[in-house]
N, C-alpha and C. Protein backbone atom coordinates (compact mmCIF):
# COMPACT_ATOMS: atom_id res chain seq x y z
N MET A 1 2.52 5.65 20.50
CA MET A 1 2.20 6.71 19.50
C MET A 1 0.97 6.31 18.79
N HIS A 2 0.12 7.22 18.43
CA HIS A 2 -0.98 6.89 17.68
C HIS A 2 -1.27 8.15 16.64
N ARG A 3 -1.65 7.62 15.38
CA ARG A 3 -1.97 8.61 14.30
C ARG A 3 -3.08 8.00 13.58
N LYS A 4 -4.01 8.90 13.12
CA LYS A 4 -5.15 8.43 12.15
C LYS A 4 -5.20 9.46 11.04
N ALA A 5 -5.04 8.97 9.76
CA ALA A 5 -5.12 9.80 8.60
C ALA A 5 -6.50 10.32 8.43
N PRO A 6 -6.67 11.51 7.77
CA PRO A 6 -7.95 11.78 7.27
C PRO A 6 -8.46 10.81 6.22
N ALA A 7 -9.88 10.71 6.21
CA ALA A 7 -10.44 9.85 5.08
C ALA A 7 -10.19 10.26 3.76
N ASP A 8 -9.96 9.16 2.88
CA ASP A 8 -9.70 9.45 1.42
C ASP A 8 -10.86 8.78 0.68
N THR A 9 -11.43 9.57 -0.16
CA THR A 9 -12.54 9.06 -0.95
C THR A 9 -12.18 9.04 -2.42
N PHE A 10 -12.44 7.98 -3.18
CA PHE A 10 -12.04 7.94 -4.58
C PHE A 10 -12.78 6.89 -5.27
N PRO A 11 -12.94 6.99 -6.59
CA PRO A 11 -13.74 6.05 -7.49
C PRO A 11 -12.91 4.69 -7.63
N CYS A 12 -13.73 3.59 -7.30
CA CYS A 12 -13.00 2.29 -7.57
C CYS A 12 -14.05 1.23 -7.29
N ASN A 13 -13.96 0.07 -8.13
CA ASN A 13 -14.80 -0.99 -7.88
C ASN A 13 -14.52 -1.63 -6.56
N SER A 14 -15.40 -1.96 -5.73
CA SER A 14 -15.21 -2.71 -4.46
C SER A 14 -14.46 -3.97 -4.56
N LYS A 15 -14.60 -4.81 -5.54
CA LYS A 15 -13.94 -6.14 -5.55
C LYS A 15 -12.43 -5.80 -5.93
N LEU A 16 -12.15 -4.85 -6.83
CA LEU A 16 -10.92 -4.45 -7.07
C LEU A 16 -10.09 -3.88 -5.91
N TYR A 17 -10.85 -2.95 -5.15
CA TYR A 17 -10.15 -2.38 -4.01
C TYR A 17 -9.72 -3.44 -2.99
N LEU A 18 -10.70 -4.48 -2.70
CA LEU A 18 -10.41 -5.51 -1.82
C LEU A 18 -9.23 -6.38 -2.20
N SER A 19 -9.13 -6.67 -3.48
CA SER A 19 -8.11 -7.34 -4.08
C SER A 19 -6.78 -6.79 -3.91
N LEU A 20 -6.63 -5.34 -3.98
CA LEU A 20 -5.42 -4.76 -3.85
C LEU A 20 -4.92 -4.61 -2.40
N ILE A 21 -6.09 -4.50 -1.50
CA ILE A 21 -5.67 -4.43 -0.03
C ILE A 21 -5.36 -5.65 0.63
N ASN A 22 -5.88 -6.88 0.01
CA ASN A 22 -5.80 -8.10 0.53
C ASN A 22 -4.49 -8.85 -0.16
N GLU A 23 -3.99 -8.33 -1.12
CA GLU A 23 -2.84 -8.93 -1.82
C GLU A 23 -1.77 -7.81 -2.07
N PRO A 24 -0.93 -7.62 -0.99
CA PRO A 24 0.07 -6.61 -1.06
C PRO A 24 1.20 -6.84 -2.08
N ALA A 25 1.44 -8.13 -2.45
CA ALA A 25 2.41 -8.51 -3.57
C ALA A 25 1.92 -8.00 -4.79
N VAL A 26 0.74 -7.97 -5.15
CA VAL A 26 0.18 -7.62 -6.34
C VAL A 26 0.29 -6.00 -6.41
N THR A 27 -0.06 -5.20 -5.40
CA THR A 27 -0.12 -3.86 -5.20
C THR A 27 1.38 -3.44 -5.37
N LEU A 28 2.27 -4.06 -4.72
CA LEU A 28 3.64 -3.67 -4.82
C LEU A 28 4.14 -3.67 -6.19
N ALA A 29 3.90 -5.00 -6.93
CA ALA A 29 4.40 -5.20 -8.24
C ALA A 29 3.96 -4.17 -9.24
N LEU A 30 2.72 -3.77 -9.09
CA LEU A 30 2.22 -2.54 -9.92
C LEU A 30 2.94 -1.31 -9.64
N TRP A 31 3.24 -1.01 -8.37
CA TRP A 31 3.90 0.24 -8.24
C TRP A 31 5.34 0.25 -8.68
N GLN A 32 5.98 -0.93 -8.46
CA GLN A 32 7.32 -0.97 -8.88
C GLN A 32 7.62 -1.00 -10.37
N ASP A 33 6.51 -1.37 -11.05
CA ASP A 33 6.50 -1.13 -12.54
C ASP A 33 6.57 0.19 -12.98
N LEU A 34 6.05 1.14 -12.18
CA LEU A 34 6.04 2.68 -12.40
C LEU A 34 7.14 3.42 -11.87
N ALA A 35 7.80 3.02 -10.82
CA ALA A 35 8.83 3.79 -10.20
C ALA A 35 9.69 2.79 -9.47
N GLN A 36 11.09 3.17 -9.54
CA GLN A 36 12.16 2.42 -8.94
C GLN A 36 11.86 2.40 -7.40
N SER A 37 11.93 1.14 -6.80
CA SER A 37 11.77 1.06 -5.47
C SER A 37 12.64 -0.17 -4.90
N PRO A 38 13.43 -0.01 -3.83
CA PRO A 38 14.26 -1.12 -3.20
C PRO A 38 13.47 -2.01 -2.45
N VAL A 39 12.17 -1.73 -2.17
CA VAL A 39 11.31 -2.66 -1.39
C VAL A 39 11.33 -4.06 -1.82
N LYS A 40 11.43 -5.03 -0.96
CA LYS A 40 11.25 -6.45 -1.24
C LYS A 40 10.20 -7.01 -0.33
N LEU A 41 9.51 -7.88 -0.85
CA LEU A 41 8.33 -8.57 -0.14
C LEU A 41 8.22 -10.01 -0.45
N ARG A 42 8.02 -10.82 0.61
CA ARG A 42 7.65 -12.26 0.34
C ARG A 42 6.59 -12.75 1.44
N GLN A 43 5.78 -13.62 0.89
CA GLN A 43 4.65 -14.22 1.65
C GLN A 43 5.18 -15.36 2.50
N LEU A 44 4.95 -15.26 3.76
CA LEU A 44 5.42 -16.49 4.63
C LEU A 44 4.30 -17.65 4.74
N ASP A 45 3.11 -17.07 4.78
CA ASP A 45 1.93 -18.08 4.81
C ASP A 45 0.57 -17.28 4.25
N ALA A 46 -0.44 -17.89 4.57
CA ALA A 46 -1.67 -17.32 4.09
C ALA A 46 -2.02 -15.92 4.48
N ASN A 47 -1.57 -15.60 5.77
CA ASN A 47 -1.85 -14.26 6.37
C ASN A 47 -0.54 -13.39 6.74
N ARG A 48 0.62 -14.01 6.55
CA ARG A 48 1.87 -13.25 7.00
C ARG A 48 2.67 -12.98 5.77
N TYR A 49 3.35 -11.86 5.92
CA TYR A 49 4.39 -11.20 5.01
C TYR A 49 5.51 -10.70 5.67
N GLN A 50 6.67 -10.80 5.02
CA GLN A 50 7.86 -10.09 5.48
C GLN A 50 8.46 -9.16 4.41
N GLY A 51 8.81 -7.87 4.76
CA GLY A 51 9.35 -7.00 3.76
C GLY A 51 10.44 -6.26 4.25
N THR A 52 11.32 -5.69 3.31
CA THR A 52 12.43 -4.84 3.70
C THR A 52 12.35 -3.71 2.82
N ASP A 53 12.87 -2.50 3.27
CA ASP A 53 12.70 -1.30 2.58
C ASP A 53 14.05 -0.94 1.84
N GLY A 54 15.11 -1.66 2.01
CA GLY A 54 16.43 -1.38 1.50
C GLY A 54 17.19 -0.27 2.28
N GLY A 55 16.56 0.23 3.37
CA GLY A 55 17.21 1.30 4.14
C GLY A 55 17.41 0.87 5.59
N GLY A 56 17.46 -0.46 5.86
CA GLY A 56 17.67 -0.89 7.19
C GLY A 56 16.43 -1.29 7.95
N THR A 57 15.30 -1.27 7.49
CA THR A 57 13.96 -1.70 8.03
C THR A 57 13.49 -2.93 7.57
N THR A 58 13.24 -3.87 8.54
CA THR A 58 12.48 -5.21 8.21
C THR A 58 11.28 -5.27 8.99
N ALA A 59 10.15 -5.60 8.33
CA ALA A 59 9.00 -5.76 9.02
C ALA A 59 8.24 -7.07 8.69
N THR A 60 7.70 -7.66 9.70
CA THR A 60 6.91 -8.90 9.50
C THR A 60 5.53 -8.67 9.98
N TRP A 61 4.44 -8.80 9.20
CA TRP A 61 3.19 -8.53 9.56
C TRP A 61 2.12 -9.55 9.23
N GLU A 62 1.15 -9.54 9.85
CA GLU A 62 0.04 -10.52 9.73
C GLU A 62 -1.28 -9.76 9.69
N TYR A 63 -2.16 -10.36 8.87
CA TYR A 63 -3.52 -9.76 8.90
C TYR A 63 -4.24 -10.61 10.08
N VAL A 64 -4.54 -9.97 11.06
CA VAL A 64 -5.26 -10.58 12.17
C VAL A 64 -6.84 -10.79 12.10
N TYR A 65 -7.27 -9.73 11.09
CA TYR A 65 -8.69 -9.61 10.84
C TYR A 65 -8.86 -9.04 9.51
N ARG A 66 -9.85 -9.70 8.79
CA ARG A 66 -9.95 -9.30 7.35
C ARG A 66 -11.50 -9.31 7.03
N SER A 67 -12.14 -8.16 6.80
CA SER A 67 -13.51 -8.15 6.30
C SER A 67 -13.58 -6.95 5.36
N PRO A 68 -14.64 -6.85 4.62
CA PRO A 68 -14.84 -5.78 3.59
C PRO A 68 -14.75 -4.43 4.18
N LYS A 69 -15.21 -4.29 5.41
CA LYS A 69 -15.17 -2.93 6.14
C LYS A 69 -14.00 -2.59 7.15
N LEU A 70 -13.26 -3.77 7.38
CA LEU A 70 -12.25 -3.54 8.39
C LEU A 70 -11.09 -4.56 8.19
N HIS A 71 -9.93 -3.96 8.14
CA HIS A 71 -8.68 -4.78 8.09
C HIS A 71 -7.83 -4.45 9.34
N VAL A 72 -7.35 -5.28 10.03
CA VAL A 72 -6.32 -5.13 11.08
C VAL A 72 -5.12 -6.00 10.86
N LEU A 73 -3.97 -5.25 10.87
CA LEU A 73 -2.64 -5.96 10.84
C LEU A 73 -1.81 -5.51 11.89
N LEU A 74 -1.02 -6.59 12.36
CA LEU A 74 -0.07 -6.61 13.51
C LEU A 74 1.36 -6.63 12.88
N SER A 75 2.15 -5.86 13.24
CA SER A 75 3.51 -6.00 12.54
C SER A 75 4.74 -5.80 13.50
N ASP A 76 5.69 -6.58 13.48
CA ASP A 76 6.92 -6.45 14.21
C ASP A 76 7.89 -5.73 13.29
N LEU A 77 8.53 -4.70 13.87
CA LEU A 77 9.38 -3.81 13.06
C LEU A 77 10.82 -3.83 13.61
N ASP A 78 11.85 -3.91 12.87
CA ASP A 78 13.16 -3.98 13.20
C ASP A 78 13.78 -2.95 12.36
N TYR A 79 14.48 -1.94 12.99
CA TYR A 79 15.33 -0.98 12.12
C TYR A 79 16.73 -0.93 12.72
N VAL A 80 17.75 -1.12 11.75
CA VAL A 80 19.20 -0.96 12.09
C VAL A 80 19.67 0.19 11.09
N SER A 81 20.28 1.17 11.70
CA SER A 81 20.83 2.41 10.87
C SER A 81 21.84 1.76 9.86
N PRO A 82 22.08 2.55 8.72
CA PRO A 82 23.04 1.93 7.76
C PRO A 82 24.33 1.85 8.45
N ARG A 83 24.89 2.51 9.42
CA ARG A 83 26.19 2.41 9.97
C ARG A 83 26.14 1.54 11.20
N GLY A 84 24.99 0.99 11.50
CA GLY A 84 24.67 0.14 12.63
C GLY A 84 24.87 0.85 14.03
N ALA A 85 24.92 2.10 14.03
CA ALA A 85 24.96 2.82 15.33
C ALA A 85 23.74 2.88 16.18
N ALA A 86 22.57 2.62 15.46
CA ALA A 86 21.33 2.69 16.20
C ALA A 86 20.41 1.54 15.90
N ARG A 87 19.64 1.11 16.77
CA ARG A 87 18.76 0.01 16.43
C ARG A 87 17.37 0.11 17.33
N LEU A 88 16.36 0.06 16.57
CA LEU A 88 15.03 0.12 17.11
C LEU A 88 14.15 -1.04 16.64
N ASN A 89 13.32 -1.51 17.75
CA ASN A 89 12.30 -2.48 17.65
C ASN A 89 11.18 -2.16 18.02
N GLY A 90 10.03 -2.37 17.28
CA GLY A 90 8.81 -2.04 17.64
C GLY A 90 7.64 -2.88 17.13
N ARG A 91 6.40 -2.54 17.60
CA ARG A 91 5.24 -3.16 17.03
C ARG A 91 4.15 -2.19 16.68
N ILE A 92 3.53 -2.45 15.50
CA ILE A 92 2.61 -1.54 14.86
C ILE A 92 1.20 -2.25 14.70
N LEU A 93 0.29 -1.60 15.18
CA LEU A 93 -1.06 -2.18 14.87
C LEU A 93 -1.78 -1.23 13.87
N LEU A 94 -2.17 -1.71 12.71
CA LEU A 94 -2.41 -0.91 11.56
C LEU A 94 -3.97 -1.23 11.41
N ILE A 95 -4.79 -0.29 11.32
CA ILE A 95 -6.23 -0.51 11.29
C ILE A 95 -6.83 0.29 9.98
N VAL A 96 -7.56 -0.37 9.13
CA VAL A 96 -8.08 0.19 7.85
C VAL A 96 -9.59 0.11 8.01
N HIS A 97 -10.21 1.33 7.85
CA HIS A 97 -11.83 1.23 7.90
C HIS A 97 -12.08 1.61 6.43
N SER A 98 -13.02 0.69 6.01
CA SER A 98 -13.50 0.96 4.49
C SER A 98 -15.04 1.07 4.39
N GLY A 99 -15.44 2.02 3.57
CA GLY A 99 -16.85 2.21 3.35
C GLY A 99 -17.06 2.23 1.84
N TYR A 100 -18.27 1.86 1.44
CA TYR A 100 -18.60 1.73 -0.14
C TYR A 100 -19.83 2.43 -0.49
N TYR A 101 -19.76 3.14 -1.59
CA TYR A 101 -20.92 3.98 -1.94
C TYR A 101 -21.11 3.98 -3.44
N ARG A 102 -22.35 4.47 -3.90
CA ARG A 102 -22.43 4.56 -5.31
C ARG A 102 -23.10 6.01 -5.64
N GLU A 103 -22.64 6.59 -6.67
CA GLU A 103 -23.05 7.95 -7.13
C GLU A 103 -24.43 7.70 -7.76
N VAL A 104 -25.20 8.79 -7.96
CA VAL A 104 -26.47 8.60 -8.55
C VAL A 104 -26.39 8.07 -9.97
N ASN A 105 -25.29 8.01 -10.59
CA ASN A 105 -25.12 7.43 -11.95
C ASN A 105 -24.54 5.98 -11.92
N GLY A 106 -24.43 5.49 -10.54
CA GLY A 106 -24.14 4.14 -10.42
C GLY A 106 -22.72 3.86 -10.22
N GLU A 107 -21.83 4.84 -10.37
CA GLU A 107 -20.40 4.68 -10.28
C GLU A 107 -20.05 4.40 -8.82
N PRO A 108 -19.26 3.29 -8.57
CA PRO A 108 -18.88 2.91 -7.23
C PRO A 108 -17.68 3.80 -6.72
N TRP A 109 -17.74 4.08 -5.51
CA TRP A 109 -16.68 4.87 -4.72
C TRP A 109 -16.35 4.14 -3.52
N ILE A 110 -14.97 4.42 -3.07
CA ILE A 110 -14.56 3.94 -1.77
C ILE A 110 -14.28 5.07 -0.98
N GLN A 111 -14.48 4.97 0.35
CA GLN A 111 -13.89 5.91 1.41
C GLN A 111 -13.19 5.13 2.39
N HIS A 112 -11.90 5.36 2.61
CA HIS A 112 -11.25 4.55 3.68
C HIS A 112 -10.39 5.48 4.53
N ASP A 113 -10.03 5.08 5.69
CA ASP A 113 -8.97 5.79 6.49
C ASP A 113 -8.01 4.82 7.19
N VAL A 114 -6.87 5.22 7.52
CA VAL A 114 -5.75 4.37 8.14
C VAL A 114 -5.45 4.87 9.46
N GLU A 115 -5.37 3.93 10.41
CA GLU A 115 -5.04 4.42 11.80
C GLU A 115 -3.85 3.42 12.18
N ALA A 116 -2.92 3.99 12.99
CA ALA A 116 -1.79 3.26 13.51
C ALA A 116 -1.54 3.48 14.82
N PHE A 117 -1.14 2.43 15.61
CA PHE A 117 -0.72 2.46 16.94
C PHE A 117 0.80 1.80 17.02
N VAL A 118 1.63 2.53 17.56
CA VAL A 118 3.15 2.12 17.47
C VAL A 118 3.71 2.10 18.95
N LYS A 119 4.37 1.04 19.28
CA LYS A 119 5.04 0.83 20.50
C LYS A 119 6.43 0.62 20.27
N VAL A 120 7.29 1.36 20.71
CA VAL A 120 8.89 1.10 20.48
C VAL A 120 9.24 0.24 21.79
N ASP A 121 9.96 -0.81 21.42
CA ASP A 121 10.46 -1.83 22.56
C ASP A 121 11.87 -1.69 22.86
N SER A 122 12.64 -0.92 22.14
CA SER A 122 14.03 -1.08 22.26
C SER A 122 14.62 -0.49 23.53
N LYS A 123 15.67 -1.07 24.11
CA LYS A 123 16.26 -0.45 25.26
C LYS A 123 16.83 0.90 25.00
N GLY A 124 16.73 1.70 25.98
CA GLY A 124 17.22 2.95 25.92
C GLY A 124 16.44 4.03 25.16
N TRP A 125 15.16 3.45 24.81
CA TRP A 125 14.28 4.40 24.08
C TRP A 125 13.83 5.55 25.06
N LYS A 126 13.67 5.27 26.31
CA LYS A 126 13.23 6.30 27.28
C LYS A 126 14.15 7.53 27.18
N ALA A 127 15.48 7.24 27.06
CA ALA A 127 16.56 8.25 27.10
C ALA A 127 16.49 8.93 25.82
N LEU A 128 16.04 8.28 24.61
CA LEU A 128 16.02 9.12 23.41
C LEU A 128 14.70 9.66 23.14
N ALA A 129 13.66 9.38 23.96
CA ALA A 129 12.29 9.87 23.57
C ALA A 129 12.09 11.28 23.24
N LYS A 130 12.62 12.06 24.13
CA LYS A 130 12.53 13.46 24.09
C LYS A 130 12.99 14.15 22.87
N THR A 131 14.04 13.57 22.29
CA THR A 131 14.75 14.11 21.09
C THR A 131 14.19 13.40 19.82
N VAL A 132 13.95 12.04 19.91
CA VAL A 132 13.57 11.26 18.80
C VAL A 132 12.04 11.19 18.52
N ARG A 133 11.26 11.27 19.56
CA ARG A 133 9.87 10.95 19.43
C ARG A 133 9.24 11.98 18.55
N PRO A 134 9.47 13.31 18.63
CA PRO A 134 8.88 14.21 17.75
C PRO A 134 9.12 14.01 16.23
N LEU A 135 10.30 13.42 15.84
CA LEU A 135 10.60 13.13 14.51
C LEU A 135 9.92 11.82 14.14
N LEU A 136 9.85 10.89 15.05
CA LEU A 136 9.12 9.64 14.69
C LEU A 136 7.57 9.82 14.55
N GLU A 137 7.11 10.77 15.32
CA GLU A 137 5.63 11.05 15.17
C GLU A 137 5.29 11.81 13.79
N LYS A 138 6.22 12.56 13.42
CA LYS A 138 5.98 13.21 12.16
C LYS A 138 6.13 12.20 10.93
N VAL A 139 7.17 11.30 11.06
CA VAL A 139 7.25 10.34 10.03
C VAL A 139 6.14 9.38 10.07
N LEU A 140 5.52 8.95 11.23
CA LEU A 140 4.39 8.18 11.33
C LEU A 140 3.20 8.80 10.65
N GLU A 141 3.08 10.12 10.93
CA GLU A 141 1.83 10.76 10.41
C GLU A 141 1.82 10.59 8.99
N ASP A 142 3.11 11.04 8.27
CA ASP A 142 3.14 11.04 6.79
C ASP A 142 2.92 9.59 6.30
N GLN A 143 3.50 8.54 6.89
CA GLN A 143 3.42 7.20 6.42
C GLN A 143 2.13 6.78 6.49
N VAL A 144 1.28 7.05 7.53
CA VAL A 144 0.01 6.60 7.68
C VAL A 144 -0.90 7.11 6.59
N GLN A 145 -0.72 8.47 6.25
CA GLN A 145 -1.42 9.07 5.19
C GLN A 145 -1.16 8.59 3.94
N GLU A 146 0.09 8.32 3.68
CA GLU A 146 0.53 7.79 2.30
C GLU A 146 0.05 6.45 2.00
N ALA A 147 -0.09 5.49 3.22
CA ALA A 147 -0.47 4.22 2.94
C ALA A 147 -1.89 4.13 2.44
N GLY A 148 -2.74 5.06 2.80
CA GLY A 148 -3.97 5.16 2.32
C GLY A 148 -3.99 5.77 0.86
N TRP A 149 -3.23 6.70 0.58
CA TRP A 149 -3.02 7.14 -0.78
C TRP A 149 -2.65 6.17 -1.83
N PHE A 150 -1.57 5.32 -1.16
CA PHE A 150 -1.10 4.42 -2.14
C PHE A 150 -2.08 3.42 -2.79
N VAL A 151 -2.98 2.91 -1.84
CA VAL A 151 -4.06 1.96 -2.25
C VAL A 151 -4.99 2.61 -3.22
N SER A 152 -5.34 3.76 -2.80
CA SER A 152 -6.42 4.57 -3.84
C SER A 152 -5.78 4.90 -5.03
N LEU A 153 -4.43 5.13 -5.04
CA LEU A 153 -3.83 5.54 -6.38
C LEU A 153 -3.76 4.25 -7.28
N MET A 154 -3.35 3.14 -6.72
CA MET A 154 -3.25 1.93 -7.40
C MET A 154 -4.70 1.53 -7.97
N GLY A 155 -5.66 1.69 -7.16
CA GLY A 155 -7.08 1.41 -7.58
C GLY A 155 -7.42 2.16 -8.87
N ARG A 156 -7.20 3.40 -8.81
CA ARG A 156 -7.47 4.26 -10.04
C ARG A 156 -6.81 3.90 -11.24
N LEU A 157 -5.37 3.51 -11.04
CA LEU A 157 -4.61 3.30 -12.11
C LEU A 157 -5.02 1.88 -12.85
N VAL A 158 -5.32 0.95 -12.03
CA VAL A 158 -5.75 -0.38 -12.53
C VAL A 158 -7.02 -0.17 -13.38
N GLU A 159 -8.09 0.65 -12.82
CA GLU A 159 -9.24 0.78 -13.43
C GLU A 159 -8.98 1.57 -14.97
N THR A 160 -8.27 2.50 -14.80
CA THR A 160 -8.08 3.25 -16.15
C THR A 160 -6.97 2.70 -17.12
N HIS A 161 -6.21 1.74 -16.56
CA HIS A 161 -5.09 1.09 -17.45
C HIS A 161 -5.23 -0.33 -17.11
N PRO A 162 -6.29 -1.05 -17.49
CA PRO A 162 -6.48 -2.53 -17.08
C PRO A 162 -5.40 -3.40 -17.83
N SER A 163 -5.22 -3.05 -19.19
CA SER A 163 -4.30 -3.95 -19.82
C SER A 163 -2.84 -3.93 -19.22
N TRP A 164 -2.48 -2.78 -18.99
CA TRP A 164 -1.10 -2.78 -18.14
C TRP A 164 -1.07 -3.48 -16.87
N ALA A 165 -2.20 -3.29 -16.08
CA ALA A 165 -2.17 -4.02 -14.82
C ALA A 165 -2.15 -5.55 -14.99
N CYS A 166 -2.93 -6.09 -16.02
CA CYS A 166 -2.91 -7.38 -16.16
C CYS A 166 -1.52 -8.01 -16.67
N SER A 167 -0.89 -7.27 -17.55
CA SER A 167 0.41 -7.61 -17.99
C SER A 167 1.47 -7.61 -16.96
N VAL A 168 1.43 -6.61 -16.09
CA VAL A 168 2.50 -6.57 -15.06
C VAL A 168 2.29 -7.76 -14.03
N VAL A 169 1.03 -7.97 -13.57
CA VAL A 169 0.79 -9.11 -12.64
C VAL A 169 1.05 -10.45 -13.15
N LEU A 170 0.67 -10.60 -14.47
CA LEU A 170 0.84 -11.97 -15.07
C LEU A 170 2.41 -12.40 -15.27
N ASN A 171 3.18 -11.35 -15.18
CA ASN A 171 4.61 -11.58 -15.48
C ASN A 171 5.34 -11.53 -14.13
N GLN A 172 4.75 -11.89 -12.94
CA GLN A 172 5.37 -11.80 -11.64
C GLN A 172 5.47 -13.26 -11.09
N PRO A 173 6.51 -13.89 -11.35
CA PRO A 173 6.68 -15.36 -10.96
C PRO A 173 6.59 -15.77 -9.49
N GLN A 174 6.89 -14.51 -8.66
CA GLN A 174 6.93 -14.65 -7.28
C GLN A 174 5.40 -14.73 -6.64
N ILE A 175 4.50 -14.34 -7.46
CA ILE A 175 3.10 -14.46 -7.16
C ILE A 175 2.43 -15.66 -7.55
N ASP A 176 1.63 -16.23 -6.59
CA ASP A 176 0.97 -17.50 -6.84
C ASP A 176 0.22 -17.60 -8.18
N PRO A 177 0.28 -18.50 -9.13
CA PRO A 177 -0.27 -18.48 -10.42
C PRO A 177 -1.74 -18.23 -10.32
N GLU A 178 -2.38 -18.83 -9.31
CA GLU A 178 -3.83 -18.71 -9.19
C GLU A 178 -4.25 -17.35 -8.85
N LYS A 179 -3.53 -16.58 -7.89
CA LYS A 179 -3.75 -15.27 -7.69
C LYS A 179 -3.57 -14.38 -8.81
N ARG A 180 -2.42 -14.60 -9.63
CA ARG A 180 -2.33 -13.76 -10.93
C ARG A 180 -3.44 -13.95 -11.88
N GLN A 181 -3.94 -15.17 -12.10
CA GLN A 181 -5.04 -15.52 -12.96
C GLN A 181 -6.31 -14.67 -12.30
N SER A 182 -6.58 -14.93 -11.20
CA SER A 182 -7.90 -14.31 -10.57
C SER A 182 -7.82 -12.80 -10.59
N PHE A 183 -6.59 -12.30 -10.36
CA PHE A 183 -6.53 -10.76 -10.52
C PHE A 183 -6.89 -10.50 -12.03
N ARG A 184 -6.35 -11.13 -13.01
CA ARG A 184 -6.53 -10.74 -14.37
C ARG A 184 -8.04 -10.87 -14.64
N ASP A 185 -8.77 -12.00 -14.09
CA ASP A 185 -10.09 -12.14 -14.42
C ASP A 185 -10.89 -11.14 -13.80
N LEU A 186 -10.59 -10.54 -12.71
CA LEU A 186 -11.32 -9.58 -11.98
C LEU A 186 -11.13 -8.22 -12.66
N VAL A 187 -9.90 -7.93 -13.10
CA VAL A 187 -9.61 -6.60 -13.78
C VAL A 187 -10.50 -6.57 -15.10
N ILE A 188 -10.37 -7.66 -15.95
CA ILE A 188 -11.28 -7.60 -17.05
C ILE A 188 -12.81 -7.62 -16.80
N GLN A 189 -13.27 -8.18 -15.67
CA GLN A 189 -14.61 -8.16 -15.42
C GLN A 189 -15.08 -6.70 -15.05
N VAL A 190 -14.26 -5.91 -14.46
CA VAL A 190 -14.55 -4.55 -14.05
C VAL A 190 -14.16 -3.44 -14.98
N LYS A 191 -13.59 -3.86 -15.99
CA LYS A 191 -13.00 -3.08 -17.04
C LYS A 191 -14.17 -1.87 -17.44
N ARG A 192 -13.59 -0.58 -17.54
CA ARG A 192 -14.44 0.41 -17.91
C ARG A 192 -14.51 0.62 -19.45
N PRO A 193 -15.57 0.92 -20.09
CA PRO A 193 -15.70 1.10 -21.53
C PRO A 193 -14.67 2.08 -22.03
N ASN A 194 -14.29 3.12 -21.29
CA ASN A 194 -13.25 4.09 -21.76
C ASN A 194 -11.85 3.96 -21.28
N ALA A 195 -11.72 2.60 -20.81
CA ALA A 195 -10.31 2.39 -20.29
C ALA A 195 -9.30 2.50 -21.36
N SER A 196 -8.11 2.91 -20.89
CA SER A 196 -6.85 3.03 -21.85
C SER A 196 -6.25 1.69 -22.04
N ALA A 197 -5.65 1.45 -23.24
CA ALA A 197 -5.09 0.26 -23.44
C ALA A 197 -3.44 0.41 -23.30
N GLY A 198 -3.07 1.55 -22.85
CA GLY A 198 -1.69 1.94 -22.71
C GLY A 198 -1.23 1.71 -21.27
N ARG A 199 -0.01 2.33 -20.98
CA ARG A 199 0.60 2.22 -19.60
C ARG A 199 0.37 3.48 -18.96
N PRO A 200 0.18 3.61 -17.61
CA PRO A 200 0.23 4.85 -16.89
C PRO A 200 1.61 5.71 -17.19
N GLN A 201 1.48 6.91 -17.20
CA GLN A 201 2.83 7.72 -17.35
C GLN A 201 2.95 8.53 -16.09
N MET A 202 4.11 8.16 -15.45
CA MET A 202 4.35 9.04 -14.11
C MET A 202 4.78 10.42 -14.64
N LEU A 203 4.60 11.33 -13.70
CA LEU A 203 5.04 12.77 -14.13
C LEU A 203 6.42 12.97 -14.50
N ALA A 204 7.24 12.25 -13.90
CA ALA A 204 8.76 12.36 -14.06
C ALA A 204 9.13 11.97 -15.48
N GLU A 205 8.23 11.00 -16.04
CA GLU A 205 8.46 10.36 -17.36
C GLU A 205 8.07 11.19 -18.49
N ALA A 206 7.03 12.21 -18.09
CA ALA A 206 6.39 13.06 -19.18
C ALA A 206 7.36 13.90 -19.73
N HIS A 207 7.00 14.34 -21.00
CA HIS A 207 7.86 15.34 -21.69
C HIS A 207 7.86 16.68 -20.93
N PRO A 208 8.95 17.43 -20.90
CA PRO A 208 8.97 18.67 -20.22
C PRO A 208 7.81 19.65 -20.49
N GLU A 209 7.35 19.76 -21.79
CA GLU A 209 6.31 20.64 -22.09
C GLU A 209 5.11 20.11 -21.39
N ASN A 210 4.79 18.81 -21.35
CA ASN A 210 3.59 18.39 -20.73
C ASN A 210 3.52 18.62 -19.26
N VAL A 211 4.84 18.41 -18.59
CA VAL A 211 4.98 18.72 -17.12
C VAL A 211 4.53 20.26 -16.83
N LYS A 212 5.04 21.12 -17.76
CA LYS A 212 4.81 22.60 -17.49
C LYS A 212 3.18 22.71 -17.49
N ARG A 213 2.54 22.15 -18.56
CA ARG A 213 1.10 22.35 -18.76
C ARG A 213 0.41 21.65 -17.52
N ARG A 214 0.87 20.72 -16.98
CA ARG A 214 0.20 19.99 -15.77
C ARG A 214 0.45 20.79 -14.60
């Protein structure tokens, strides 16, 4: 199966963007401070990570290539249904293409797209393919698009709320101390003059009257 999400374009400093895409533990920590998530992640070595989604899926992935304009990740995926009645194993090749631009006023922008190739290895897949494949293709399409949106959202939030981002990451003992400090230094370096000193407010946290206005 193959899916490629439409390109996403957003304002973000290139160094900050690359920091978020190269350090998934940092990006996840920022998200989990804003929304409850059962996802767990641990770094196995310099290029390999393992994560669980709390719903029966475990993935081990590796950055097989990293450059400013291209990231390639290879993942082994294992899914066991909550009742143990079904199990799927697969491999995913995830490709992120990135481009960097500047507006006439000098503001940096990013444009990226996410592409995924999926191969299901489980026995019995052929028998299930006709009924299960359409569902999996739809899920894959949604997940590929949301992966790109996730990074772009975190980039915008860090730039507009740098104090919050620094505080969250510096208080994550599972992240290497050098990475925590380098992230803080980078955020301070690219801080915008009009940046907020507060914390981002998710829509669900907002006052009902504000929700209606939005």
